Amino acid sequence: MRTYFITGASGTIGSNVVKALLEKNDGVIAATRHPEKSAALFGDKVESVSFDFDDASTFDHALEGDGIF
């Protein structure tokens, strides 16, 4: 199983990417400015983390996955 870091995971495009990866049984780190939204969408199927392109202190999780979208 591979794990992917998905930015904008609670948005229109990002949430569809997350769904497609989950269908393939891949792991997902769901990155969004509001992680409670991705947690509500995907529950415990993903790791929801706070991420903001304008805040470098939120970038650490991006290095944990096998790929970034």
Protein backbone atom coordinates (compact mmCIF):
# COMPACT_ATOMS: atom_id res chain seq x y z
CA MET A 1 0.00 0.00 0.00
CA ARG A 2 1.24 3.46 -0.88
CA THR A 3 0.31 6.62 1.00
CA TYR A 4 -0.41 9.92 -0.72
CA PHE A 5 -0.50 13.48 0.62
CA ILE A 6 -3.51 15.18 -0.96
CA THR A 7 -3.81 18.95 -0.72
CA GLY A 8 -7.29 20.42 -0.82
CA ALA A 9 -8.67 17.06 0.27
CA SER A 10 -12.03 18.50 1.33
CA GLY A 11 -12.52 20.41 -1.95
CA THR A 12 -14.23 19.26 -5.12
CA ILE A 13 -11.18 17.89 -6.93
CA GLY A 14 -9.21 16.80 -3.88
CA SER A 15 -12.09 14.84 -2.38
CA ASN A 16 -12.53 12.91 -5.64
CA VAL A 17 -8.81 12.11 -5.69
CA VAL A 18 -9.08 10.87 -2.09
CA LYS A 19 -12.07 8.68 -2.97
CA ALA A 20 -10.23 7.16 -5.94
CA LEU A 21 -7.17 6.38 -3.82
CA LEU A 22 -9.29 4.82 -1.07
CA GLU A 23 -10.99 2.61 -3.67
CA LYS A 24 -7.50 1.35 -4.60
CA ASN A 25 -6.81 0.69 -0.89
CA ASP A 26 -4.08 3.31 -0.83
CA GLY A 27 -3.42 5.36 2.27
CA VAL A 28 -4.26 9.06 2.33
CA ILE A 29 -2.99 12.01 4.31
CA ALA A 30 -5.84 14.46 3.74
CA ALA A 31 -4.40 17.97 3.88
CA THR A 32 -6.66 20.99 4.17
CA ARG A 33 -6.91 24.30 6.00
CA HIS A 34 -9.86 22.81 7.89
CA PRO A 35 -9.02 19.19 8.78
CA GLU A 36 -12.35 18.76 10.53
CA LYS A 37 -13.99 18.90 7.08
CA SER A 38 -11.93 16.03 5.69
CA ALA A 39 -12.47 14.09 8.92
CA ALA A 40 -16.23 14.55 8.48
CA LEU A 41 -16.04 13.44 4.83
CA PHE A 42 -13.78 10.42 5.26
CA GLY A 43 -13.78 9.52 8.97
CA ASP A 44 -10.95 7.30 10.09
CA LYS A 45 -10.18 6.13 6.54
CA VAL A 46 -7.68 9.00 6.19
CA GLU A 47 -5.25 10.93 8.36
CA SER A 48 -6.59 14.50 8.36
CA VAL A 49 -3.95 17.20 8.83
CA SER A 50 -3.86 20.97 8.74
CA PHE A 51 -2.10 22.38 5.67
CA ASP A 52 -1.82 25.89 4.27
CA PHE A 53 0.42 26.87 1.36
CA ASP A 54 1.00 30.22 3.09
CA ASP A 55 2.25 28.60 6.32
CA ALA A 56 5.52 26.67 5.99
CA SER A 57 5.09 25.22 9.48
CA THR A 58 2.33 22.97 8.05
CA PHE A 59 4.56 21.38 5.39
CA ASP A 60 6.11 18.57 7.49
CA HIS A 61 3.36 16.02 6.76
CA ALA A 62 3.92 16.45 3.01
CA LEU A 63 7.23 14.61 3.35
CA GLU A 64 5.61 11.52 4.92
CA GLY A 65 3.80 10.16 1.88
CA ASP A 66 4.87 8.34 -1.27
CA GLY A 67 3.38 11.04 -3.48
CA ILE A 68 1.81 14.51 -3.37
CA PHE A 69 -1.20 15.88 -5.22
